[in-house]
Amino acid sequence: MGIIDDIKYNIRIGNTLLRLIYLNVALFIVVNLISLLATIFGFKESWNLLATRLLYMPSNLHELLTHPWTIVTYMFMHADIWHILFNMLWLYWLGQIFLIYLNSRQLVTVYLLGGLTGGLLYLLIYNLFPNFELFGYNSYLVGASASVMAVVFAIATLTPNYVVHLFLLGSVRLKYIALATLIIDLISIQYSNAGGHIAHLGGALLGYLFGLGIRKGSDITAWFANIFLRKPNLFRRKSKIKLIYRRPPLNDFEYNQQKVEIQKELDRILDK
């Protein structure tokens, strides 16, 4: 089986986690192939501007109103190879733990709502606080980091003492990993990529509230799944084909023979 066939097979029968990762990677490859062609044929700047306007989420409210879909598309886009590599590794490692305790539908819901919450917090901060408002007209949000943070904090809140083994660090509980990422994002806001770190905090908040709700016996994201994930979609595993065997119809001889056998059985029972 070749690489392409292997990927097709995993997409067809693989779990939701792999499908999320494949979707992110596929979109990254497509966007960058177009970018490569744009570079070769001399319209790199035009393509970058078009991709940014159509796929990244703007902090400017007026622009967002004309491009509302970007609040979803941004969470499947990535700025460079290291950006997507880091996010997909996080999603794969923590997503596997997530699926031990929760289901695929909840994984997709947390991913999407984490991205939406991160985007809304980014939008709110950039339009309410003066220091960020100055950059509001040329700031764009891109990346699955808020969605991944939601998954991280969801499972860390649900199973805080779950132990993972990290290179050089040894055994570490999930709650400490989540806390470390939170502190890093808070400190990093004052430096570069403030919008991205703010969005991370929004995703973390959604994940925390989700995990807390599950611990108390309720799923705060169920309404979203019931509305948007009811029909079969890309993220739902296809059910296996069921084979139903039916007996062929009886001919006259078989039918009469069966009647005789049934009558004999009834007579035997009545004789008792």
C-alpha atoms as a PDB file:
ATOM      1  CA  MET A   1       0.000   0.000   0.000  1.00  0.00           C
ATOM      2  CA  GLY A   2       1.444   3.359  -1.064  1.00  0.00           C
ATOM      3  CA  ILE A   3       1.569   6.516   1.016  1.00  0.00           C
ATOM      4  CA  ILE A   4      -1.454   8.050  -0.752  1.00  0.00           C
ATOM      5  CA  ASP A   5      -3.484   4.860  -0.338  1.00  0.00           C
ATOM      6  CA  ASP A   6      -2.477   4.673   3.309  1.00  0.00           C
ATOM      7  CA  ILE A   7      -3.650   8.248   3.901  1.00  0.00           C
ATOM      8  CA  LYS A   8      -6.943   7.577   2.093  1.00  0.00           C
ATOM      9  CA  TYR A   9      -7.474   4.466   4.198  1.00  0.00           C
ATOM     10  CA  ASN A  10      -6.847   6.356   7.449  1.00  0.00           C
ATOM     11  CA  ILE A  11      -9.183   9.170   6.404  1.00  0.00           C
ATOM     12  CA  ARG A  12     -11.902   6.678   5.515  1.00  0.00           C
ATOM     13  CA  ILE A  13     -11.808   4.544   8.664  1.00  0.00           C
ATOM     14  CA  GLY A  14      -9.537   6.520  10.997  1.00  0.00           C
ATOM     15  CA  ASN A  15     -10.656   8.282  14.147  1.00  0.00           C
ATOM     16  CA  THR A  16     -11.742  11.885  14.418  1.00  0.00           C
ATOM     17  CA  LEU A  17      -8.414  13.034  15.823  1.00  0.00           C
ATOM     18  CA  LEU A  18      -6.537  11.900  12.717  1.00  0.00           C
ATOM     19  CA  ARG A  19      -9.124  13.522  10.465  1.00  0.00           C
ATOM     20  CA  LEU A  20      -8.695  16.858  12.216  1.00  0.00           C
ATOM     21  CA  ILE A  21      -4.935  16.627  11.777  1.00  0.00           C
ATOM     22  CA  TYR A  22      -5.199  15.544   8.126  1.00  0.00           C
ATOM     23  CA  LEU A  23      -7.544  18.456   7.399  1.00  0.00           C
ATOM     24  CA  ASN A  24      -5.129  20.985   8.904  1.00  0.00           C
ATOM     25  CA  VAL A  25      -2.171  19.493   7.048  1.00  0.00           C
ATOM     26  CA  ALA A  26      -4.041  19.267   3.726  1.00  0.00           C
ATOM     27  CA  LEU A  27      -5.116  22.912   3.884  1.00  0.00           C
ATOM     28  CA  PHE A  28      -1.588  23.971   4.823  1.00  0.00           C
ATOM     29  CA  ILE A  29      -0.164  22.121   1.817  1.00  0.00           C
ATOM     30  CA  VAL A  30      -2.745  23.539  -0.608  1.00  0.00           C
ATOM     31  CA  VAL A  31      -2.271  27.129   0.575  1.00  0.00           C
ATOM     32  CA  ASN A  32       1.509  26.841   0.403  1.00  0.00           C
ATOM     33  CA  LEU A  33       1.494  25.228  -3.034  1.00  0.00           C
ATOM     34  CA  ILE A  34      -0.524  28.182  -4.307  1.00  0.00           C
ATOM     35  CA  SER A  35       1.924  30.493  -2.529  1.00  0.00           C
ATOM     36  CA  LEU A  36       4.823  28.730  -4.265  1.00  0.00           C
ATOM     37  CA  LEU A  37       3.192  29.194  -7.666  1.00  0.00           C
ATOM     38  CA  ALA A  38       2.530  32.836  -6.808  1.00  0.00           C
ATOM     39  CA  THR A  39       6.221  33.280  -6.027  1.00  0.00           C
ATOM     40  CA  ILE A  40       7.287  31.641  -9.291  1.00  0.00           C
ATOM     41  CA  PHE A  41       4.934  33.719 -11.432  1.00  0.00           C
ATOM     42  CA  GLY A  42       5.530  36.985  -9.634  1.00  0.00           C
ATOM     43  CA  PHE A  43       2.314  37.688  -7.751  1.00  0.00           C
ATOM     44  CA  LYS A  44       3.435  36.641  -4.265  1.00  0.00           C
ATOM     45  CA  GLU A  45       2.379  39.886  -2.563  1.00  0.00           C
ATOM     46  CA  SER A  46      -1.056  39.841  -4.183  1.00  0.00           C
ATOM     47  CA  TRP A  47      -1.620  36.247  -3.092  1.00  0.00           C
ATOM     48  CA  ASN A  48      -0.482  36.944   0.475  1.00  0.00           C
ATOM     49  CA  LEU A  49      -2.908  39.845   0.709  1.00  0.00           C
ATOM     50  CA  LEU A  50      -5.762  37.786  -0.749  1.00  0.00           C
ATOM     51  CA  ALA A  51      -5.114  34.780   1.520  1.00  0.00           C
ATOM     52  CA  THR A  52      -4.888  36.997   4.584  1.00  0.00           C
ATOM     53  CA  ARG A  53      -8.143  38.778   3.793  1.00  0.00           C
ATOM     54  CA  LEU A  54     -10.045  35.596   2.915  1.00  0.00           C
ATOM     55  CA  LEU A  55      -8.700  33.073   5.438  1.00  0.00           C
ATOM     56  CA  TYR A  56      -7.327  34.878   8.501  1.00  0.00           C
ATOM     57  CA  MET A  57      -9.548  36.480  11.137  1.00  0.00           C
ATOM     58  CA  PRO A  58      -9.248  40.286  11.298  1.00  0.00           C
ATOM     59  CA  SER A  59      -9.450  42.251  14.531  1.00  0.00           C
ATOM     60  CA  ASN A  60     -11.205  45.060  12.684  1.00  0.00           C
ATOM     61  CA  LEU A  61     -14.958  44.695  13.229  1.00  0.00           C
ATOM     62  CA  HIS A  62     -15.945  46.231   9.914  1.00  0.00           C
ATOM     63  CA  GLU A  63     -13.715  43.842   7.983  1.00  0.00           C
ATOM     64  CA  LEU A  64     -14.955  40.872  10.019  1.00  0.00           C
ATOM     65  CA  LEU A  65     -18.560  41.727   9.154  1.00  0.00           C
ATOM     66  CA  THR A  66     -17.701  41.460   5.462  1.00  0.00           C
ATOM     67  CA  HIS A  67     -15.689  38.249   6.000  1.00  0.00           C
ATOM     68  CA  PRO A  68     -17.590  36.428   8.812  1.00  0.00           C
ATOM     69  CA  TRP A  69     -16.385  32.970   7.739  1.00  0.00           C
ATOM     70  CA  THR A  70     -12.839  33.832   8.823  1.00  0.00           C
ATOM     71  CA  ILE A  71     -13.755  33.209  12.480  1.00  0.00           C
ATOM     72  CA  VAL A  72     -13.848  29.531  11.453  1.00  0.00           C
ATOM     73  CA  THR A  73     -11.256  29.337   8.670  1.00  0.00           C
ATOM     74  CA  TYR A  74      -8.517  30.959  10.747  1.00  0.00           C
ATOM     75  CA  MET A  75      -8.386  27.963  13.103  1.00  0.00           C
ATOM     76  CA  PHE A  76      -7.415  25.658  10.213  1.00  0.00           C
ATOM     77  CA  MET A  77      -4.686  27.921   8.792  1.00  0.00           C
ATOM     78  CA  HIS A  78      -1.039  28.203   9.870  1.00  0.00           C
ATOM     79  CA  ALA A  79       1.669  30.787   9.284  1.00  0.00           C
ATOM     80  CA  ASP A  80       4.603  28.419   8.701  1.00  0.00           C
ATOM     81  CA  ILE A  81       5.837  24.842   9.037  1.00  0.00           C
ATOM     82  CA  TRP A  82       6.877  25.186  12.685  1.00  0.00           C
ATOM     83  CA  HIS A  83       3.513  26.684  13.571  1.00  0.00           C
ATOM     84  CA  ILE A  84       1.543  23.726  12.213  1.00  0.00           C
ATOM     85  CA  LEU A  85       4.074  21.135  13.410  1.00  0.00           C
ATOM     86  CA  PHE A  86       3.901  22.318  17.015  1.00  0.00           C
ATOM     87  CA  ASN A  87       0.102  22.576  16.995  1.00  0.00           C
ATOM     88  CA  MET A  88      -0.485  19.179  15.398  1.00  0.00           C
ATOM     89  CA  LEU A  89       1.924  17.422  17.756  1.00  0.00           C
ATOM     90  CA  TRP A  90       0.122  18.959  20.737  1.00  0.00           C
ATOM     91  CA  LEU A  91      -3.238  18.014  19.262  1.00  0.00           C
ATOM     92  CA  TYR A  92      -2.133  14.440  18.570  1.00  0.00           C
ATOM     93  CA  TRP A  93      -0.606  13.799  22.005  1.00  0.00           C
ATOM     94  CA  LEU A  94      -3.301  15.441  24.105  1.00  0.00           C
ATOM     95  CA  GLY A  95      -6.091  14.425  21.741  1.00  0.00           C
ATOM     96  CA  GLN A  96      -5.284  10.751  22.315  1.00  0.00           C
ATOM     97  CA  ILE A  97      -5.649  11.226  26.067  1.00  0.00           C
ATOM     98  CA  PHE A  98      -8.871  13.190  25.471  1.00  0.00           C
ATOM     99  CA  LEU A  99     -10.358  10.241  23.553  1.00  0.00           C
ATOM    100  CA  ILE A 100      -9.599   7.830  26.388  1.00  0.00           C
ATOM    101  CA  TYR A 101     -12.186   9.585  28.566  1.00  0.00           C
ATOM    102  CA  LEU A 102     -14.418  11.401  26.071  1.00  0.00           C
ATOM    103  CA  ASN A 103     -15.841  10.807  22.609  1.00  0.00           C
ATOM    104  CA  SER A 104     -15.007  12.017  19.113  1.00  0.00           C
ATOM    105  CA  ARG A 105     -18.009  14.306  18.926  1.00  0.00           C
ATOM    106  CA  GLN A 106     -16.839  16.136  22.043  1.00  0.00           C
ATOM    107  CA  LEU A 107     -13.328  16.446  20.610  1.00  0.00           C
ATOM    108  CA  VAL A 108     -14.604  18.203  17.486  1.00  0.00           C
ATOM    109  CA  THR A 109     -16.929  20.398  19.543  1.00  0.00           C
ATOM    110  CA  VAL A 110     -14.177  21.471  21.946  1.00  0.00           C
ATOM    111  CA  TYR A 111     -11.816  22.124  19.023  1.00  0.00           C
ATOM    112  CA  LEU A 112     -14.330  24.339  17.216  1.00  0.00           C
ATOM    113  CA  LEU A 113     -15.695  26.141  20.271  1.00  0.00           C
ATOM    114  CA  GLY A 114     -12.160  26.657  21.593  1.00  0.00           C
ATOM    115  CA  GLY A 115     -11.241  28.355  18.326  1.00  0.00           C
ATOM    116  CA  LEU A 116     -14.409  30.458  18.368  1.00  0.00           C
ATOM    117  CA  THR A 117     -13.894  31.507  21.992  1.00  0.00           C
ATOM    118  CA  GLY A 118     -10.269  32.384  21.321  1.00  0.00           C
ATOM    119  CA  GLY A 119     -11.290  34.425  18.289  1.00  0.00           C
ATOM    120  CA  LEU A 120     -13.984  36.298  20.209  1.00  0.00           C
ATOM    121  CA  LEU A 121     -11.634  37.137  23.096  1.00  0.00           C
ATOM    122  CA  TYR A 122      -9.034  38.372  20.589  1.00  0.00           C
ATOM    123  CA  LEU A 123     -11.687  40.523  18.927  1.00  0.00           C
ATOM    124  CA  LEU A 124     -12.923  41.878  22.262  1.00  0.00           C
ATOM    125  CA  ILE A 125      -9.487  42.795  23.630  1.00  0.00           C
ATOM    126  CA  TYR A 126      -8.308  44.422  20.410  1.00  0.00           C
ATOM    127  CA  ASN A 127     -11.402  46.610  20.206  1.00  0.00           C
ATOM    128  CA  LEU A 128     -11.834  47.570  23.869  1.00  0.00           C
ATOM    129  CA  PHE A 129      -8.333  48.229  25.154  1.00  0.00           C
ATOM    130  CA  PRO A 130      -6.563  51.323  23.742  1.00  0.00           C
ATOM    131  CA  ASN A 131      -3.098  49.764  23.571  1.00  0.00           C
ATOM    132  CA  PHE A 132      -4.412  46.994  21.322  1.00  0.00           C
ATOM    133  CA  GLU A 133      -6.904  49.135  19.424  1.00  0.00           C
ATOM    134  CA  LEU A 134      -4.003  50.976  17.797  1.00  0.00           C
ATOM    135  CA  PHE A 135      -3.113  47.757  15.979  1.00  0.00           C
ATOM    136  CA  GLY A 136      -6.690  46.709  15.279  1.00  0.00           C
ATOM    137  CA  TYR A 137      -6.748  47.717  11.624  1.00  0.00           C
ATOM    138  CA  ASN A 138      -3.859  45.545  10.508  1.00  0.00           C
ATOM    139  CA  SER A 139      -3.951  42.621  12.916  1.00  0.00           C
ATOM    140  CA  TYR A 140      -5.027  39.133  11.844  1.00  0.00           C
ATOM    141  CA  LEU A 141      -5.421  35.925  13.806  1.00  0.00           C
ATOM    142  CA  VAL A 142      -4.234  32.619  12.354  1.00  0.00           C
ATOM    143  CA  GLY A 143      -3.606  29.124  13.687  1.00  0.00           C
ATOM    144  CA  ALA A 144      -5.212  26.234  15.558  1.00  0.00           C
ATOM    145  CA  SER A 145      -3.500  27.155  18.831  1.00  0.00           C
ATOM    146  CA  ALA A 146      -6.682  28.348  20.586  1.00  0.00           C
ATOM    147  CA  SER A 147      -8.460  25.139  19.555  1.00  0.00           C
ATOM    148  CA  VAL A 148      -5.547  22.999  20.723  1.00  0.00           C
ATOM    149  CA  MET A 149      -5.381  24.888  24.024  1.00  0.00           C
ATOM    150  CA  ALA A 150      -9.060  24.107  24.538  1.00  0.00           C
ATOM    151  CA  VAL A 151      -8.331  20.389  24.131  1.00  0.00           C
ATOM    152  CA  VAL A 152      -5.319  20.628  26.462  1.00  0.00           C
ATOM    153  CA  PHE A 153      -7.221  22.404  29.226  1.00  0.00           C
ATOM    154  CA  ALA A 154     -10.319  20.234  28.817  1.00  0.00           C
ATOM    155  CA  ILE A 155      -8.455  17.013  29.516  1.00  0.00           C
ATOM    156  CA  ALA A 156      -6.140  18.621  32.099  1.00  0.00           C
ATOM    157  CA  THR A 157      -9.177  19.847  34.040  1.00  0.00           C
ATOM    158  CA  LEU A 158     -10.952  16.508  33.756  1.00  0.00           C
ATOM    159  CA  THR A 159      -7.900  14.388  34.680  1.00  0.00           C
ATOM    160  CA  PRO A 160      -5.410  16.781  36.332  1.00  0.00           C
ATOM    161  CA  ASN A 161      -3.267  14.014  37.794  1.00  0.00           C
ATOM    162  CA  TYR A 162      -2.856  12.054  34.574  1.00  0.00           C
ATOM    163  CA  VAL A 163       0.890  11.503  34.129  1.00  0.00           C
ATOM    164  CA  VAL A 164       2.685  11.972  30.819  1.00  0.00           C
ATOM    165  CA  HIS A 165       6.355  11.302  30.181  1.00  0.00           C
ATOM    166  CA  LEU A 166       8.264  14.205  28.637  1.00  0.00           C
ATOM    167  CA  PHE A 167      11.753  14.110  27.177  1.00  0.00           C
ATOM    168  CA  LEU A 168      14.318  15.485  29.683  1.00  0.00           C
ATOM    169  CA  LEU A 169      11.576  16.317  32.198  1.00  0.00           C
ATOM    170  CA  GLY A 170      10.383  12.819  33.015  1.00  0.00           C
ATOM    171  CA  SER A 171       6.925  12.187  34.461  1.00  0.00           C
ATOM    172  CA  VAL A 172       4.730  15.292  34.641  1.00  0.00           C
ATOM    173  CA  ARG A 173       1.072  15.640  35.605  1.00  0.00           C
ATOM    174  CA  LEU A 174      -1.256  17.231  33.066  1.00  0.00           C
ATOM    175  CA  LYS A 175      -2.254  20.028  35.429  1.00  0.00           C
ATOM    176  CA  TYR A 176       1.339  21.284  35.549  1.00  0.00           C
ATOM    177  CA  ILE A 177       1.655  21.209  31.760  1.00  0.00           C
ATOM    178  CA  ALA A 178      -1.540  23.246  31.427  1.00  0.00           C
ATOM    179  CA  LEU A 179      -0.394  25.691  34.106  1.00  0.00           C
ATOM    180  CA  ALA A 180       2.987  26.170  32.408  1.00  0.00           C
ATOM    181  CA  THR A 181       1.378  26.945  29.041  1.00  0.00           C
ATOM    182  CA  LEU A 182      -0.994  29.401  30.715  1.00  0.00           C
ATOM    183  CA  ILE A 183       1.850  31.287  32.410  1.00  0.00           C
ATOM    184  CA  ILE A 184       3.883  31.391  29.187  1.00  0.00           C
ATOM    185  CA  ASP A 185       0.944  32.864  27.265  1.00  0.00           C
ATOM    186  CA  LEU A 186       0.209  35.463  29.943  1.00  0.00           C
ATOM    187  CA  ILE A 187       3.823  36.639  30.038  1.00  0.00           C
ATOM    188  CA  SER A 188       4.151  36.591  26.236  1.00  0.00           C
ATOM    189  CA  ILE A 189       1.265  39.015  25.627  1.00  0.00           C
ATOM    190  CA  GLN A 190       3.580  41.971  26.307  1.00  0.00           C
ATOM    191  CA  TYR A 191       6.009  40.817  23.620  1.00  0.00           C
ATOM    192  CA  SER A 192       5.341  39.622  20.071  1.00  0.00           C
ATOM    193  CA  ASN A 193       2.127  38.032  18.754  1.00  0.00           C
ATOM    194  CA  ALA A 194      -0.080  39.450  21.499  1.00  0.00           C
ATOM    195  CA  GLY A 195      -3.231  38.571  19.571  1.00  0.00           C
ATOM    196  CA  GLY A 196      -2.250  34.924  19.299  1.00  0.00           C
ATOM    197  CA  HIS A 197      -1.538  34.608  23.015  1.00  0.00           C
ATOM    198  CA  ILE A 198      -4.836  36.295  23.871  1.00  0.00           C
ATOM    199  CA  ALA A 199      -6.660  33.792  21.664  1.00  0.00           C
ATOM    200  CA  HIS A 200      -4.829  30.960  23.442  1.00  0.00           C
ATOM    201  CA  LEU A 201      -6.279  32.184  26.732  1.00  0.00           C
ATOM    202  CA  GLY A 202      -9.769  32.152  25.239  1.00  0.00           C
ATOM    203  CA  GLY A 203      -9.321  28.558  24.120  1.00  0.00           C
ATOM    204  CA  ALA A 204      -7.931  27.607  27.523  1.00  0.00           C
ATOM    205  CA  LEU A 205     -10.967  29.160  29.223  1.00  0.00           C
ATOM    206  CA  LEU A 206     -13.380  27.164  27.068  1.00  0.00           C
ATOM    207  CA  GLY A 207     -11.459  23.950  27.727  1.00  0.00           C
ATOM    208  CA  TYR A 208     -11.389  24.597  31.473  1.00  0.00           C
ATOM    209  CA  LEU A 209     -15.145  25.271  31.647  1.00  0.00           C
ATOM    210  CA  PHE A 210     -15.848  22.175  29.550  1.00  0.00           C
ATOM    211  CA  GLY A 211     -13.690  19.928  31.748  1.00  0.00           C
ATOM    212  CA  LEU A 212     -15.234  21.391  34.893  1.00  0.00           C
ATOM    213  CA  GLY A 213     -18.718  20.753  33.531  1.00  0.00           C
ATOM    214  CA  ILE A 214     -17.910  17.131  32.658  1.00  0.00           C
ATOM    215  CA  ARG A 215     -16.610  16.553  36.190  1.00  0.00           C
ATOM    216  CA  LYS A 216     -19.957  17.818  37.498  1.00  0.00           C
ATOM    217  CA  GLY A 217     -21.901  15.619  35.109  1.00  0.00           C
ATOM    218  CA  SER A 218     -22.884  18.118  32.407  1.00  0.00           C
ATOM    219  CA  ASP A 219     -21.565  18.939  28.944  1.00  0.00           C
ATOM    220  CA  ILE A 220     -21.692  22.701  28.317  1.00  0.00           C
ATOM    221  CA  THR A 221     -20.954  22.148  24.619  1.00  0.00           C
ATOM    222  CA  ALA A 222     -23.800  19.697  23.942  1.00  0.00           C
ATOM    223  CA  TRP A 223     -26.033  22.415  22.447  1.00  0.00           C
ATOM    224  CA  PHE A 224     -23.393  23.178  19.811  1.00  0.00           C
ATOM    225  CA  ALA A 225     -22.965  19.514  18.880  1.00  0.00           C
ATOM    226  CA  ASN A 226     -26.735  19.005  18.682  1.00  0.00           C
ATOM    227  CA  ILE A 227     -27.073  21.905  16.241  1.00  0.00           C
ATOM    228  CA  PHE A 228     -23.993  21.555  14.037  1.00  0.00           C
ATOM    229  CA  LEU A 229     -22.829  17.936  14.354  1.00  0.00           C
ATOM    230  CA  ARG A 230     -26.076  16.009  14.008  1.00  0.00           C
ATOM    231  CA  LYS A 231     -25.654  14.983  10.382  1.00  0.00           C
ATOM    232  CA  PRO A 232     -22.836  12.734   9.116  1.00  0.00           C
ATOM    233  CA  ASN A 233     -19.764  14.799   8.356  1.00  0.00           C
ATOM    234  CA  LEU A 234     -16.044  14.720   7.738  1.00  0.00           C
ATOM    235  CA  PHE A 235     -15.240  14.127  11.402  1.00  0.00           C
ATOM    236  CA  ARG A 236     -17.583  11.209  12.009  1.00  0.00           C
ATOM    237  CA  ARG A 237     -16.304   7.713  11.448  1.00  0.00           C
ATOM    238  CA  LYS A 238     -18.222   5.859   8.789  1.00  0.00           C
ATOM    239  CA  SER A 239     -20.107   2.856  10.108  1.00  0.00           C
ATOM    240  CA  LYS A 240     -19.117  -0.544   8.845  1.00  0.00           C
ATOM    241  CA  ILE A 241     -21.282  -2.125   6.154  1.00  0.00           C
ATOM    242  CA  LYS A 242     -23.705  -4.604   7.641  1.00  0.00           C
ATOM    243  CA  LEU A 243     -24.527  -7.718   5.636  1.00  0.00           C
ATOM    244  CA  ILE A 244     -28.037  -9.094   6.105  1.00  0.00           C
ATOM    245  CA  TYR A 245     -28.653 -12.636   4.954  1.00  0.00           C
ATOM    246  CA  ARG A 246     -32.192 -13.587   3.960  1.00  0.00           C
ATOM    247  CA  ARG A 247     -33.430 -17.115   3.364  1.00  0.00           C
ATOM    248  CA  PRO A 248     -34.615 -17.725  -0.199  1.00  0.00           C
ATOM    249  CA  PRO A 249     -38.371 -18.407  -0.629  1.00  0.00           C
ATOM    250  CA  LEU A 250     -39.497 -22.050  -0.246  1.00  0.00           C
ATOM    251  CA  ASN A 251     -40.752 -24.038  -3.205  1.00  0.00           C
ATOM    252  CA  ASP A 252     -44.021 -26.032  -2.979  1.00  0.00           C
ATOM    253  CA  PHE A 253     -42.350 -29.249  -1.850  1.00  0.00           C
ATOM    254  CA  GLU A 254     -40.326 -27.517   0.881  1.00  0.00           C
ATOM    255  CA  TYR A 255     -43.385 -25.579   2.021  1.00  0.00           C
ATOM    256  CA  ASN A 256     -45.543 -28.721   2.349  1.00  0.00           C
ATOM    257  CA  GLN A 257     -42.720 -30.599   4.056  1.00  0.00           C
ATOM    258  CA  GLN A 258     -42.359 -27.782   6.577  1.00  0.00           C
ATOM    259  CA  LYS A 259     -46.116 -27.851   7.283  1.00  0.00           C
ATOM    260  CA  VAL A 260     -45.958 -31.585   7.941  1.00  0.00           C
ATOM    261  CA  GLU A 261     -43.048 -31.201  10.362  1.00  0.00           C
ATOM    262  CA  ILE A 262     -44.812 -28.390  12.231  1.00  0.00           C
ATOM    263  CA  GLN A 263     -48.027 -30.426  12.487  1.00  0.00           C
ATOM    264  CA  LYS A 264     -46.109 -33.450  13.810  1.00  0.00           C
ATOM    265  CA  GLU A 265     -44.472 -31.258  16.463  1.00  0.00           C
ATOM    266  CA  LEU A 266     -47.866 -29.831  17.505  1.00  0.00           C
ATOM    267  CA  ASP A 267     -49.397 -33.340  17.727  1.00  0.00           C
ATOM    268  CA  ARG A 268     -46.483 -34.513  19.864  1.00  0.00           C
ATOM    269  CA  ILE A 269     -46.933 -31.593  22.257  1.00  0.00           C
ATOM    270  CA  LEU A 270     -50.721 -32.109  22.486  1.00  0.00           C
ATOM    271  CA  ASP A 271     -50.322 -35.851  23.164  1.00  0.00           C
ATOM    272  CA  LYS A 272     -48.423 -34.963  26.332  1.00  0.00           C
END
